[in-house]
Amino acid sequence: MATFGNTRILLEGRVIPGYQWLSTFNNKGQLIESRTIKPDGSPGERIVYSYDHKGNVEKTASYDERNVYRATHVFYKFDSRGNWIEKKDVQVVPGQDSKTNDRAPLMTYRVITYFDVIRTHQ
C-alpha cells in the first residue's frame, strides 16, 4: 500500500508545486519507506524504517539526494507493563558500533498513568 502527497506553496499570488512524498506501508500498517520528491521532479531524501517484534521503530536508514547514508538506532526503556517510557535515538556513524550509552540527539520520555479498576462481584 502506498500514499502520495503534494504540498503547494503560495508565492507572489501564484500556486507553485512543492515537495511531494511517497510513503510505503507493510501489511501491518507500518511505515517502511518514505521518499521525498523535489519540486523539479528530482529525488530527495529516502528513509527506510525497520521494526522490532513489538512494532516499535528499531532503526531508520536515511539516504539524501546524493545517496549519502545515515542511520539512527532507537533504544527503548519499558515499564513493568511492557510500554516504552523512554526512547533514545542514536545517530550511527557508518563503520562504528552504536551503544545505548552513546550521546543521543533526541530523547523522548513518556509518562503513562494506569487506572486499574477494582471489580467486586455481587
PDB file of N, CA and C in Angstrom:
ATOM      1  N   MET A   1       0.848  -1.158   0.000  1.00  0.00           N
ATOM      2  CA  MET A   1       0.000   0.000   0.000  1.00  0.00           C
ATOM      3  C   MET A   1       0.899   1.227   0.000  1.00  0.00           C
ATOM      4  N   ALA A   2       0.545   2.264  -0.747  1.00  0.00           N
ATOM      5  CA  ALA A   2       1.344   3.481  -0.794  1.00  0.00           C
ATOM      6  C   ALA A   2       0.410   4.687  -0.789  1.00  0.00           C
ATOM      7  N   THR A   3       0.877   5.785  -0.208  1.00  0.00           N
ATOM      8  CA  THR A   3       0.130   7.033  -0.267  1.00  0.00           C
ATOM      9  C   THR A   3       1.028   8.073  -0.903  1.00  0.00           C
ATOM     10  N   PHE A   4       0.433   9.049  -1.518  1.00  0.00           N
ATOM     11  CA  PHE A   4       1.203  10.073  -2.205  1.00  0.00           C
ATOM     12  C   PHE A   4       0.649  11.418  -1.802  1.00  0.00           C
ATOM     13  N   GLY A   5       1.504  12.335  -1.453  1.00  0.00           N
ATOM     14  CA  GLY A   5       1.052  13.645  -1.028  1.00  0.00           C
ATOM     15  C   GLY A   5       1.724  14.742  -1.817  1.00  0.00           C
ATOM     16  N   ASN A   6       1.129  15.931  -1.793  1.00  0.00           N
ATOM     17  CA  ASN A   6       1.676  17.058  -2.517  1.00  0.00           C
ATOM     18  C   ASN A   6       1.442  18.316  -1.700  1.00  0.00           C
ATOM     19  N   THR A   7       2.466  19.125  -1.568  1.00  0.00           N
ATOM     20  CA  THR A   7       2.361  20.390  -0.859  1.00  0.00           C
ATOM     21  C   THR A   7       2.504  21.510  -1.874  1.00  0.00           C
ATOM     22  N   ARG A   8       1.636  22.480  -1.805  1.00  0.00           N
ATOM     23  CA  ARG A   8       1.736  23.618  -2.710  1.00  0.00           C
ATOM     24  C   ARG A   8       1.957  24.877  -1.865  1.00  0.00           C
ATOM     25  N   ILE A   9       2.773  25.778  -2.409  1.00  0.00           N
ATOM     26  CA  ILE A   9       3.127  26.996  -1.689  1.00  0.00           C
ATOM     27  C   ILE A   9       2.611  28.191  -2.485  1.00  0.00           C
ATOM     28  N   LEU A  10       1.976  29.128  -1.803  1.00  0.00           N
ATOM     29  CA  LEU A  10       1.505  30.337  -2.455  1.00  0.00           C
ATOM     30  C   LEU A  10       2.637  31.345  -2.432  1.00  0.00           C
ATOM     31  N   LEU A  11       3.108  31.768  -3.618  1.00  0.00           N
ATOM     32  CA  LEU A  11       4.245  32.676  -3.712  1.00  0.00           C
ATOM     33  C   LEU A  11       3.874  33.783  -4.695  1.00  0.00           C
ATOM     34  N   GLU A  12       3.860  35.012  -4.240  1.00  0.00           N
ATOM     35  CA  GLU A  12       3.524  36.165  -5.068  1.00  0.00           C
ATOM     36  C   GLU A  12       2.197  35.963  -5.801  1.00  0.00           C
ATOM     37  N   GLY A  13       1.213  35.412  -5.101  1.00  0.00           N
ATOM     38  CA  GLY A  13      -0.094  35.223  -5.693  1.00  0.00           C
ATOM     39  C   GLY A  13      -0.214  34.018  -6.602  1.00  0.00           C
ATOM     40  N   ARG A  14       0.853  33.245  -6.750  1.00  0.00           N
ATOM     41  CA  ARG A  14       0.820  32.062  -7.614  1.00  0.00           C
ATOM     42  C   ARG A  14       0.909  30.806  -6.762  1.00  0.00           C
ATOM     43  N   VAL A  15       0.270  29.768  -7.205  1.00  0.00           N
ATOM     44  CA  VAL A  15       0.408  28.475  -6.557  1.00  0.00           C
ATOM     45  C   VAL A  15       1.445  27.702  -7.350  1.00  0.00           C
ATOM     46  N   ILE A  16       2.505  27.276  -6.664  1.00  0.00           N
ATOM     47  CA  ILE A  16       3.564  26.531  -7.342  1.00  0.00           C
ATOM     48  C   ILE A  16       3.689  25.155  -6.714  1.00  0.00           C
ATOM     49  N   PRO A  17       4.097  24.157  -7.496  1.00  0.00           N
ATOM     50  CA  PRO A  17       4.270  22.820  -6.915  1.00  0.00           C
ATOM     51  C   PRO A  17       5.322  22.843  -5.821  1.00  0.00           C
ATOM     52  N   GLY A  18       5.070  22.100  -4.783  1.00  0.00           N
ATOM     53  CA  GLY A  18       6.027  21.990  -3.691  1.00  0.00           C
ATOM     54  C   GLY A  18       6.619  20.601  -3.655  1.00  0.00           C
ATOM     55  N   TYR A  19       7.205  20.278  -2.543  1.00  0.00           N
ATOM     56  CA  TYR A  19       7.772  18.944  -2.349  1.00  0.00           C
ATOM     57  C   TYR A  19       6.639  17.922  -2.308  1.00  0.00           C
ATOM     58  N   GLN A  20       6.899  16.764  -2.825  1.00  0.00           N
ATOM     59  CA  GLN A  20       5.949  15.670  -2.771  1.00  0.00           C
ATOM     60  C   GLN A  20       6.599  14.537  -1.999  1.00  0.00           C
ATOM     61  N   TRP A  21       5.775  13.633  -1.475  1.00  0.00           N
ATOM     62  CA  TRP A  21       6.336  12.499  -0.757  1.00  0.00           C
ATOM     63  C   TRP A  21       5.553  11.244  -1.101  1.00  0.00           C
ATOM     64  N   LEU A  22       6.236  10.154  -1.054  1.00  0.00           N
ATOM     65  CA  LEU A  22       5.638   8.849  -1.293  1.00  0.00           C
ATOM     66  C   LEU A  22       5.929   7.997  -0.076  1.00  0.00           C
ATOM     67  N   SER A  23       4.887   7.496   0.575  1.00  0.00           N
ATOM     68  CA  SER A  23       5.029   6.672   1.773  1.00  0.00           C
ATOM     69  C   SER A  23       4.559   5.261   1.465  1.00  0.00           C
ATOM     70  N   THR A  24       5.360   4.270   1.841  1.00  0.00           N
ATOM     71  CA  THR A  24       5.012   2.873   1.617  1.00  0.00           C
ATOM     72  C   THR A  24       4.841   2.186   2.956  1.00  0.00           C
ATOM     73  N   PHE A  25       3.746   1.405   3.082  1.00  0.00           N
ATOM     74  CA  PHE A  25       3.413   0.718   4.321  1.00  0.00           C
ATOM     75  C   PHE A  25       3.407  -0.785   4.089  1.00  0.00           C
ATOM     76  N   ASN A  26       3.727  -1.547   5.135  1.00  0.00           N
ATOM     77  CA  ASN A  26       3.641  -3.005   5.034  1.00  0.00           C
ATOM     78  C   ASN A  26       2.222  -3.459   5.373  1.00  0.00           C
ATOM     79  N   ASN A  27       1.995  -4.781   5.384  1.00  0.00           N
ATOM     80  CA  ASN A  27       0.647  -5.309   5.632  1.00  0.00           C
ATOM     81  C   ASN A  27       0.182  -5.119   7.077  1.00  0.00           C
ATOM     82  N   LYS A  28       1.084  -4.687   7.977  1.00  0.00           N
ATOM     83  CA  LYS A  28       0.704  -4.387   9.360  1.00  0.00           C
ATOM     84  C   LYS A  28       0.355  -2.911   9.534  1.00  0.00           C
ATOM     85  N   GLY A  29       0.448  -2.146   8.440  1.00  0.00           N
ATOM     86  CA  GLY A  29       0.167  -0.720   8.506  1.00  0.00           C
ATOM     87  C   GLY A  29       1.339   0.116   8.981  1.00  0.00           C
ATOM     88  N   GLN A  30       2.534  -0.477   9.039  1.00  0.00           N
ATOM     89  CA  GLN A  30       3.723   0.239   9.495  1.00  0.00           C
ATOM     90  C   GLN A  30       4.405   0.919   8.310  1.00  0.00           C
ATOM     91  N   LEU A  31       4.829   2.146   8.522  1.00  0.00           N
ATOM     92  CA  LEU A  31       5.584   2.875   7.505  1.00  0.00           C
ATOM     93  C   LEU A  31       6.922   2.184   7.316  1.00  0.00           C
ATOM     94  N   ILE A  32       7.240   1.749   6.090  1.00  0.00           N
ATOM     95  CA  ILE A  32       8.516   1.074   5.853  1.00  0.00           C
ATOM     96  C   ILE A  32       9.451   1.888   4.960  1.00  0.00           C
ATOM     97  N   GLU A  33       8.890   2.846   4.214  1.00  0.00           N
ATOM     98  CA  GLU A  33       9.748   3.691   3.394  1.00  0.00           C
ATOM     99  C   GLU A  33       9.046   5.000   3.109  1.00  0.00           C
ATOM    100  N   SER A  34       9.825   6.076   3.126  1.00  0.00           N
ATOM    101  CA  SER A  34       9.323   7.406   2.823  1.00  0.00           C
ATOM    102  C   SER A  34      10.293   8.044   1.838  1.00  0.00           C
ATOM    103  N   ARG A  35       9.770   8.557   0.736  1.00  0.00           N
ATOM    104  CA  ARG A  35      10.609   9.222  -0.274  1.00  0.00           C
ATOM    105  C   ARG A  35      10.101  10.639  -0.494  1.00  0.00           C
ATOM    106  N   THR A  36      11.041  11.568  -0.647  1.00  0.00           N
ATOM    107  CA  THR A  36      10.715  12.947  -0.959  1.00  0.00           C
ATOM    108  C   THR A  36      11.064  13.202  -2.420  1.00  0.00           C
ATOM    109  N   ILE A  37      10.177  13.916  -3.109  1.00  0.00           N
ATOM    110  CA  ILE A  37      10.428  14.314  -4.491  1.00  0.00           C
ATOM    111  C   ILE A  37      10.430  15.830  -4.523  1.00  0.00           C
ATOM    112  N   LYS A  38      11.508  16.400  -5.044  1.00  0.00           N
ATOM    113  CA  LYS A  38      11.646  17.855  -5.089  1.00  0.00           C
ATOM    114  C   LYS A  38      10.686  18.452  -6.115  1.00  0.00           C
ATOM    115  N   PRO A  39      10.435  19.763  -6.029  1.00  0.00           N
ATOM    116  CA  PRO A  39       9.515  20.401  -6.981  1.00  0.00           C
ATOM    117  C   PRO A  39       9.912  20.217  -8.447  1.00  0.00           C
ATOM    118  N   ASP A  40      11.204  20.063  -8.722  1.00  0.00           N
ATOM    119  CA  ASP A  40      11.636  19.869 -10.116  1.00  0.00           C
ATOM    120  C   ASP A  40      11.526  18.411 -10.564  1.00  0.00           C
ATOM    121  N   GLY A  41      11.027  17.544  -9.680  1.00  0.00           N
ATOM    122  CA  GLY A  41      10.846  16.139 -10.022  1.00  0.00           C
ATOM    123  C   GLY A  41      12.015  15.243  -9.675  1.00  0.00           C
ATOM    124  N   SER A  42      13.115  15.830  -9.220  1.00  0.00           N
ATOM    125  CA  SER A  42      14.285  15.026  -8.859  1.00  0.00           C
ATOM    126  C   SER A  42      14.087  14.409  -7.468  1.00  0.00           C
ATOM    127  N   PRO A  43      14.757  13.272  -7.204  1.00  0.00           N
ATOM    128  CA  PRO A  43      14.581  12.624  -5.893  1.00  0.00           C
ATOM    129  C   PRO A  43      15.240  13.413  -4.774  1.00  0.00           C
ATOM    130  N   GLY A  44      14.603  13.373  -3.632  1.00  0.00           N
ATOM    131  CA  GLY A  44      15.162  13.984  -2.429  1.00  0.00           C
ATOM    132  C   GLY A  44      15.583  12.892  -1.471  1.00  0.00           C
ATOM    133  N   GLU A  45      15.256  13.051  -0.205  1.00  0.00           N
ATOM    134  CA  GLU A  45      15.642  12.087   0.820  1.00  0.00           C
ATOM    135  C   GLU A  45      14.780  10.829   0.762  1.00  0.00           C
ATOM    136  N   ARG A  46      15.386   9.702   1.095  1.00  0.00           N
ATOM    137  CA  ARG A  46      14.676   8.429   1.219  1.00  0.00           C
ATOM    138  C   ARG A  46      14.985   7.875   2.595  1.00  0.00           C
ATOM    139  N   ILE A  47      13.965   7.439   3.328  1.00  0.00           N
ATOM    140  CA  ILE A  47      14.135   6.880   4.669  1.00  0.00           C
ATOM    141  C   ILE A  47      13.494   5.500   4.700  1.00  0.00           C
ATOM    142  N   VAL A  48      14.245   4.508   5.183  1.00  0.00           N
ATOM    143  CA  VAL A  48      13.761   3.141   5.308  1.00  0.00           C
ATOM    144  C   VAL A  48      13.649   2.828   6.808  1.00  0.00           C
ATOM    145  N   TYR A  49      12.507   2.288   7.232  1.00  0.00           N
ATOM    146  CA  TYR A  49      12.234   2.009   8.637  1.00  0.00           C
ATOM    147  C   TYR A  49      12.228   0.507   8.888  1.00  0.00           C
ATOM    148  N   SER A  50      12.798   0.086  10.023  1.00  0.00           N
ATOM    149  CA  SER A  50      12.676  -1.316  10.444  1.00  0.00           C
ATOM    150  C   SER A  50      12.144  -1.326  11.879  1.00  0.00           C
ATOM    151  N   TYR A  51      11.457  -2.432  12.220  1.00  0.00           N
ATOM    152  CA  TYR A  51      10.725  -2.515  13.481  1.00  0.00           C
ATOM    153  C   TYR A  51      11.158  -3.726  14.297  1.00  0.00           C
ATOM    154  N   ASP A  52      11.000  -3.633  15.623  1.00  0.00           N
ATOM    155  CA  ASP A  52      11.258  -4.781  16.487  1.00  0.00           C
ATOM    156  C   ASP A  52      10.007  -5.657  16.563  1.00  0.00           C
ATOM    157  N   HIS A  53      10.080  -6.733  17.332  1.00  0.00           N
ATOM    158  CA  HIS A  53       8.964  -7.678  17.417  1.00  0.00           C
ATOM    159  C   HIS A  53       7.712  -7.088  18.070  1.00  0.00           C
ATOM    160  N   LYS A  54       7.859  -5.958  18.766  1.00  0.00           N
ATOM    161  CA  LYS A  54       6.707  -5.308  19.401  1.00  0.00           C
ATOM    162  C   LYS A  54       6.088  -4.230  18.511  1.00  0.00           C
ATOM    163  N   GLY A  55       6.708  -3.989  17.354  1.00  0.00           N
ATOM    164  CA  GLY A  55       6.185  -2.977  16.444  1.00  0.00           C
ATOM    165  C   GLY A  55       6.753  -1.592  16.648  1.00  0.00           C
ATOM    166  N   ASN A  56       7.797  -1.469  17.476  1.00  0.00           N
ATOM    167  CA  ASN A  56       8.447  -0.181  17.687  1.00  0.00           C
ATOM    168  C   ASN A  56       9.527   0.023  16.627  1.00  0.00           C
ATOM    169  N   VAL A  57       9.705   1.273  16.185  1.00  0.00           N
ATOM    170  CA  VAL A  57      10.779   1.567  15.238  1.00  0.00           C
ATOM    171  C   VAL A  57      12.103   1.229  15.901  1.00  0.00           C
ATOM    172  N   GLU A  58      12.908   0.415  15.227  1.00  0.00           N
ATOM    173  CA  GLU A  58      14.190  -0.035  15.759  1.00  0.00           C
ATOM    174  C   GLU A  58      15.359   0.680  15.085  1.00  0.00           C
ATOM    175  N   LYS A  59      15.183   1.012  13.813  1.00  0.00           N
ATOM    176  CA  LYS A  59      16.256   1.636  13.058  1.00  0.00           C
ATOM    177  C   LYS A  59      15.668   2.398  11.882  1.00  0.00           C
ATOM    178  N   THR A  60      16.274   3.535  11.568  1.00  0.00           N
ATOM    179  CA  THR A  60      15.957   4.230  10.333  1.00  0.00           C
ATOM    180  C   THR A  60      17.249   4.377   9.547  1.00  0.00           C
ATOM    181  N   ALA A  61      17.157   4.159   8.260  1.00  0.00           N
ATOM    182  CA  ALA A  61      18.289   4.358   7.355  1.00  0.00           C
ATOM    183  C   ALA A  61      17.891   5.469   6.402  1.00  0.00           C
ATOM    184  N   SER A  62      18.652   6.564   6.414  1.00  0.00           N
ATOM    185  CA  SER A  62      18.333   7.723   5.584  1.00  0.00           C
ATOM    186  C   SER A  62      19.368   7.867   4.481  1.00  0.00           C
ATOM    187  N   TYR A  63      18.883   8.229   3.315  1.00  0.00           N
ATOM    188  CA  TYR A  63      19.745   8.475   2.156  1.00  0.00           C
ATOM    189  C   TYR A  63      19.344   9.827   1.584  1.00  0.00           C
ATOM    190  N   ASP A  64      20.305  10.749   1.481  1.00  0.00           N
ATOM    191  CA  ASP A  64      19.971  12.052   0.912  1.00  0.00           C
ATOM    192  C   ASP A  64      19.984  11.978  -0.614  1.00  0.00           C
ATOM    193  N   GLU A  65      19.793  13.112  -1.263  1.00  0.00           N
ATOM    194  CA  GLU A  65      19.706  13.125  -2.727  1.00  0.00           C
ATOM    195  C   GLU A  65      21.006  12.691  -3.416  1.00  0.00           C
ATOM    196  N   ARG A  66      22.106  12.717  -2.679  1.00  0.00           N
ATOM    197  CA  ARG A  66      23.391  12.229  -3.221  1.00  0.00           C
ATOM    198  C   ARG A  66      23.650  10.787  -2.806  1.00  0.00           C
ATOM    199  N   ASN A  67      22.642  10.150  -2.185  1.00  0.00           N
ATOM    200  CA  ASN A  67      22.688   8.763  -1.706  1.00  0.00           C
ATOM    201  C   ASN A  67      23.686   8.564  -0.560  1.00  0.00           C
ATOM    202  N   VAL A  68      23.925   9.637   0.209  1.00  0.00           N
ATOM    203  CA  VAL A  68      24.781   9.543   1.397  1.00  0.00           C
ATOM    204  C   VAL A  68      23.949   8.909   2.506  1.00  0.00           C
ATOM    205  N   TYR A  69      24.512   7.894   3.142  1.00  0.00           N
ATOM    206  CA  TYR A  69      23.816   7.076   4.139  1.00  0.00           C
ATOM    207  C   TYR A  69      24.009   7.606   5.550  1.00  0.00           C
ATOM    208  N   ARG A  70      22.908   7.669   6.305  1.00  0.00           N
ATOM    209  CA  ARG A  70      22.934   7.964   7.740  1.00  0.00           C
ATOM    210  C   ARG A  70      21.970   6.992   8.392  1.00  0.00           C
ATOM    211  N   ALA A  71      22.313   6.540   9.573  1.00  0.00           N
ATOM    212  CA  ALA A  71      21.425   5.616  10.283  1.00  0.00           C
ATOM    213  C   ALA A  71      21.138   6.149  11.677  1.00  0.00           C
ATOM    214  N   THR A  72      19.972   5.809  12.165  1.00  0.00           N
ATOM    215  CA  THR A  72      19.603   6.111  13.540  1.00  0.00           C
ATOM    216  C   THR A  72      19.089   4.822  14.162  1.00  0.00           C
ATOM    217  N   HIS A  73      19.677   4.443  15.284  1.00  0.00           N
ATOM    218  CA  HIS A  73      19.198   3.287  16.029  1.00  0.00           C
ATOM    219  C   HIS A  73      18.365   3.823  17.186  1.00  0.00           C
ATOM    220  N   VAL A  74      17.291   3.123  17.500  1.00  0.00           N
ATOM    221  CA  VAL A  74      16.385   3.568  18.547  1.00  0.00           C
ATOM    222  C   VAL A  74      16.410   2.546  19.675  1.00  0.00           C
ATOM    223  N   PHE A  75      16.642   3.040  20.882  1.00  0.00           N
ATOM    224  CA  PHE A  75      16.688   2.186  22.065  1.00  0.00           C
ATOM    225  C   PHE A  75      15.546   2.581  22.991  1.00  0.00           C
ATOM    226  N   TYR A  76      14.906   1.584  23.594  1.00  0.00           N
ATOM    227  CA  TYR A  76      13.745   1.820  24.446  1.00  0.00           C
ATOM    228  C   TYR A  76      13.992   1.317  25.858  1.00  0.00           C
ATOM    229  N   LYS A  77      13.336   1.984  26.814  1.00  0.00           N
ATOM    230  CA  LYS A  77      13.254   1.504  28.184  1.00  0.00           C
ATOM    231  C   LYS A  77      11.761   1.304  28.443  1.00  0.00           C
ATOM    232  N   PHE A  78      11.402   0.137  29.001  1.00  0.00           N
ATOM    233  CA  PHE A  78       9.998  -0.221  29.173  1.00  0.00           C
ATOM    234  C   PHE A  78       9.608  -0.241  30.647  1.00  0.00           C
ATOM    235  N   ASP A  79       8.331   0.006  30.913  1.00  0.00           N
ATOM    236  CA  ASP A  79       7.836  -0.091  32.276  1.00  0.00           C
ATOM    237  C   ASP A  79       7.423  -1.537  32.565  1.00  0.00           C
ATOM    238  N   SER A  80       6.888  -1.773  33.750  1.00  0.00           N
ATOM    239  CA  SER A  80       6.543  -3.141  34.162  1.00  0.00           C
ATOM    240  C   SER A  80       5.403  -3.744  33.345  1.00  0.00           C
ATOM    241  N   ARG A  81       4.678  -2.920  32.603  1.00  0.00           N
ATOM    242  CA  ARG A  81       3.580  -3.424  31.774  1.00  0.00           C
ATOM    243  C   ARG A  81       3.953  -3.562  30.300  1.00  0.00           C
ATOM    244  N   GLY A  82       5.235  -3.322  30.000  1.00  0.00           N
ATOM    245  CA  GLY A  82       5.712  -3.517  28.635  1.00  0.00           C
ATOM    246  C   GLY A  82       5.546  -2.335  27.706  1.00  0.00           C
ATOM    247  N   ASN A  83       5.171  -1.185  28.230  1.00  0.00           N
ATOM    248  CA  ASN A  83       5.048   0.023  27.407  1.00  0.00           C
ATOM    249  C   ASN A  83       6.327   0.840  27.508  1.00  0.00           C
ATOM    250  N   TRP A  84       6.764   1.404  26.375  1.00  0.00           N
ATOM    251  CA  TRP A  84       8.004   2.169  26.447  1.00  0.00           C
ATOM    252  C   TRP A  84       7.752   3.503  27.146  1.00  0.00           C
ATOM    253  N   ILE A  85       8.730   3.866  27.985  1.00  0.00           N
ATOM    254  CA  ILE A  85       8.639   5.111  28.743  1.00  0.00           C
ATOM    255  C   ILE A  85       9.811   6.039  28.429  1.00  0.00           C
ATOM    256  N   GLU A  86      10.830   5.488  27.760  1.00  0.00           N
ATOM    257  CA  GLU A  86      11.981   6.283  27.349  1.00  0.00           C
ATOM    258  C   GLU A  86      12.439   5.780  25.992  1.00  0.00           C
ATOM    259  N   LYS A  87      12.642   6.726  25.061  1.00  0.00           N
ATOM    260  CA  LYS A  87      13.099   6.376  23.721  1.00  0.00           C
ATOM    261  C   LYS A  87      14.318   7.230  23.404  1.00  0.00           C
ATOM    262  N   LYS A  88      15.384   6.572  22.988  1.00  0.00           N
ATOM    263  CA  LYS A  88      16.650   7.241  22.734  1.00  0.00           C
ATOM    264  C   LYS A  88      17.047   7.004  21.271  1.00  0.00           C
ATOM    265  N   ASP A  89      17.110   8.075  20.491  1.00  0.00           N
ATOM    266  CA  ASP A  89      17.510   7.988  19.086  1.00  0.00           C
ATOM    267  C   ASP A  89      19.000   8.311  18.987  1.00  0.00           C
ATOM    268  N   VAL A  90      19.789   7.328  18.534  1.00  0.00           N
ATOM    269  CA  VAL A  90      21.240   7.483  18.452  1.00  0.00           C
ATOM    270  C   VAL A  90      21.657   7.443  16.989  1.00  0.00           C
ATOM    271  N   GLN A  91      22.250   8.535  16.521  1.00  0.00           N
ATOM    272  CA  GLN A  91      22.754   8.550  15.151  1.00  0.00           C
ATOM    273  C   GLN A  91      24.035   7.745  15.095  1.00  0.00           C
ATOM    274  N   VAL A  92      24.132   6.915  14.072  1.00  0.00           N
ATOM    275  CA  VAL A  92      25.257   5.992  13.941  1.00  0.00           C
ATOM    276  C   VAL A  92      26.148   6.435  12.801  1.00  0.00           C
ATOM    277  N   VAL A  93      27.438   6.474  13.077  1.00  0.00           N
ATOM    278  CA  VAL A  93      28.419   6.777  12.046  1.00  0.00           C
ATOM    279  C   VAL A  93      28.763   5.463  11.350  1.00  0.00           C
ATOM    280  N   PRO A  94      28.660   5.407  10.015  1.00  0.00           N
ATOM    281  CA  PRO A  94      28.970   4.153   9.314  1.00  0.00           C
ATOM    282  C   PRO A  94      30.347   3.615   9.702  1.00  0.00           C
ATOM    283  N   GLY A  95      30.408   2.318   9.993  1.00  0.00           N
ATOM    284  CA  GLY A  95      31.666   1.677  10.370  1.00  0.00           C
ATOM    285  C   GLY A  95      31.943   1.691  11.857  1.00  0.00           C
ATOM    286  N   GLN A  96      31.104   2.367  12.651  1.00  0.00           N
ATOM    287  CA  GLN A  96      31.276   2.396  14.101  1.00  0.00           C
ATOM    288  C   GLN A  96      30.087   1.732  14.762  1.00  0.00           C
ATOM    289  N   ASP A  97      30.322   1.147  15.928  1.00  0.00           N
ATOM    290  CA  ASP A  97      29.262   0.480  16.683  1.00  0.00           C
ATOM    291  C   ASP A  97      28.372   1.496  17.378  1.00  0.00           C
ATOM    292  N   SER A  98      27.091   1.202  17.476  1.00  0.00           N
ATOM    293  CA  SER A  98      26.202   2.054  18.269  1.00  0.00           C
ATOM    294  C   SER A  98      26.012   1.394  19.621  1.00  0.00           C
ATOM    295  N   LYS A  99      26.032   2.191  20.650  1.00  0.00           N
ATOM    296  CA  LYS A  99      25.872   1.695  22.015  1.00  0.00           C
ATOM    297  C   LYS A  99      24.744   2.470  22.674  1.00  0.00           C
ATOM    298  N   THR A 100      24.080   1.836  23.606  1.00  0.00           N
ATOM    299  CA  THR A 100      22.961   2.505  24.272  1.00  0.00           C
ATOM    300  C   THR A 100      23.422   3.686  25.117  1.00  0.00           C
ATOM    301  N   ASN A 101      24.697   3.777  25.437  1.00  0.00           N
ATOM    302  CA  ASN A 101      25.155   4.906  26.249  1.00  0.00           C
ATOM    303  C   ASN A 101      25.742   6.027  25.393  1.00  0.00           C
ATOM    304  N   ASP A 102      25.682   5.894  24.057  1.00  0.00           N
ATOM    305  CA  ASP A 102      26.128   6.974  23.189  1.00  0.00           C
ATOM    306  C   ASP A 102      25.241   8.193  23.410  1.00  0.00           C
ATOM    307  N   ARG A 103      25.783   9.339  23.090  1.00  0.00           N
ATOM    308  CA  ARG A 103      25.016  10.567  23.253  1.00  0.00           C
ATOM    309  C   ARG A 103      23.892  10.601  22.221  1.00  0.00           C
ATOM    310  N   ALA A 104      22.687  10.782  22.667  1.00  0.00           N
ATOM    311  CA  ALA A 104      21.525  10.763  21.781  1.00  0.00           C
ATOM    312  C   ALA A 104      21.088  12.187  21.462  1.00  0.00           C
ATOM    313  N   PRO A 105      20.888  12.495  20.177  1.00  0.00           N
ATOM    314  CA  PRO A 105      20.415  13.836  19.833  1.00  0.00           C
ATOM    315  C   PRO A 105      18.937  14.032  20.156  1.00  0.00           C
ATOM    316  N   LEU A 106      18.213  12.922  20.337  1.00  0.00           N
ATOM    317  CA  LEU A 106      16.794  13.036  20.635  1.00  0.00           C
ATOM    318  C   LEU A 106      16.400  12.022  21.698  1.00  0.00           C
ATOM    319  N   MET A 107      15.858  12.526  22.789  1.00  0.00           N
ATOM    320  CA  MET A 107      15.340  11.685  23.873  1.00  0.00           C
ATOM    321  C   MET A 107      13.856  12.005  24.009  1.00  0.00           C
ATOM    322  N   THR A 108      13.056  10.967  24.105  1.00  0.00           N
ATOM    323  CA  THR A 108      11.616  11.133  24.293  1.00  0.00           C
ATOM    324  C   THR A 108      11.219  10.377  25.547  1.00  0.00           C
ATOM    325  N   TYR A 109      10.522  11.065  26.441  1.00  0.00           N
ATOM    326  CA  TYR A 109      10.047  10.446  27.676  1.00  0.00           C
ATOM    327  C   TYR A 109       8.526  10.419  27.638  1.00  0.00           C
ATOM    328  N   ARG A 110       7.972   9.361  28.176  1.00  0.00           N
ATOM    329  CA  ARG A 110       6.528   9.201  28.194  1.00  0.00           C
ATOM    330  C   ARG A 110       6.101   8.820  29.598  1.00  0.00           C
ATOM    331  N   VAL A 111       5.107   9.520  30.120  1.00  0.00           N
ATOM    332  CA  VAL A 111       4.548   9.193  31.434  1.00  0.00           C
ATOM    333  C   VAL A 111       3.170   8.586  31.191  1.00  0.00           C
ATOM    334  N   ILE A 112       2.993   7.379  31.665  1.00  0.00           N
ATOM    335  CA  ILE A 112       1.724   6.687  31.478  1.00  0.00           C
ATOM    336  C   ILE A 112       1.074   6.508  32.843  1.00  0.00           C
ATOM    337  N   THR A 113      -0.178   6.923  32.963  1.00  0.00           N
ATOM    338  CA  THR A 113      -0.927   6.729  34.190  1.00  0.00           C
ATOM    339  C   THR A 113      -1.919   5.608  33.951  1.00  0.00           C
ATOM    340  N   TYR A 114      -1.840   4.595  34.777  1.00  0.00           N
ATOM    341  CA  TYR A 114      -2.748   3.465  34.668  1.00  0.00           C
ATOM    342  C   TYR A 114      -3.862   3.620  35.690  1.00  0.00           C
ATOM    343  N   PHE A 115      -5.071   3.406  35.255  1.00  0.00           N
ATOM    344  CA  PHE A 115      -6.222   3.450  36.129  1.00  0.00           C
ATOM    345  C   PHE A 115      -6.760   2.030  36.225  1.00  0.00           C
ATOM    346  N   ASP A 116      -6.389   1.340  37.270  1.00  0.00           N
ATOM    347  CA  ASP A 116      -6.846  -0.035  37.471  1.00  0.00           C
ATOM    348  C   ASP A 116      -8.215   0.005  38.126  1.00  0.00           C
ATOM    349  N   VAL A 117      -9.119  -0.710  37.550  1.00  0.00           N
ATOM    350  CA  VAL A 117     -10.481  -0.789  38.079  1.00  0.00           C
ATOM    351  C   VAL A 117     -10.602  -2.027  38.942  1.00  0.00           C
ATOM    352  N   ILE A 118     -11.031  -1.825  40.166  1.00  0.00           N
ATOM    353  CA  ILE A 118     -11.245  -2.955  41.073  1.00  0.00           C
ATOM    354  C   ILE A 118     -12.704  -3.347  40.952  1.00  0.00           C
ATOM    355  N   ARG A 119     -12.929  -4.554  40.563  1.00  0.00           N
ATOM    356  CA  ARG A 119     -14.300  -5.038  40.378  1.00  0.00           C
ATOM    357  C   ARG A 119     -14.679  -5.937  41.530  1.00  0.00           C
ATOM    358  N   THR A 120     -15.862  -5.725  42.006  1.00  0.00           N
ATOM    359  CA  THR A 120     -16.383  -6.581  43.057  1.00  0.00           C
ATOM    360  C   THR A 120     -17.532  -7.393  42.494  1.00  0.00           C
ATOM    361  N   HIS A 121     -17.617  -8.619  42.876  1.00  0.00           N
ATOM    362  CA  HIS A 121     -18.703  -9.480  42.423  1.00  0.00           C
ATOM    363  C   HIS A 121     -19.838  -9.432  43.443  1.00  0.00           C
ATOM    364  N   GLN A 122     -21.042  -9.283  42.977  1.00  0.00           N
ATOM    365  CA  GLN A 122     -22.179  -9.201  43.878  1.00  0.00           C
ATOM    366  C   GLN A 122     -23.061 -10.410  43.737  1.00  0.00           C
TER     367      GLN A 122
END
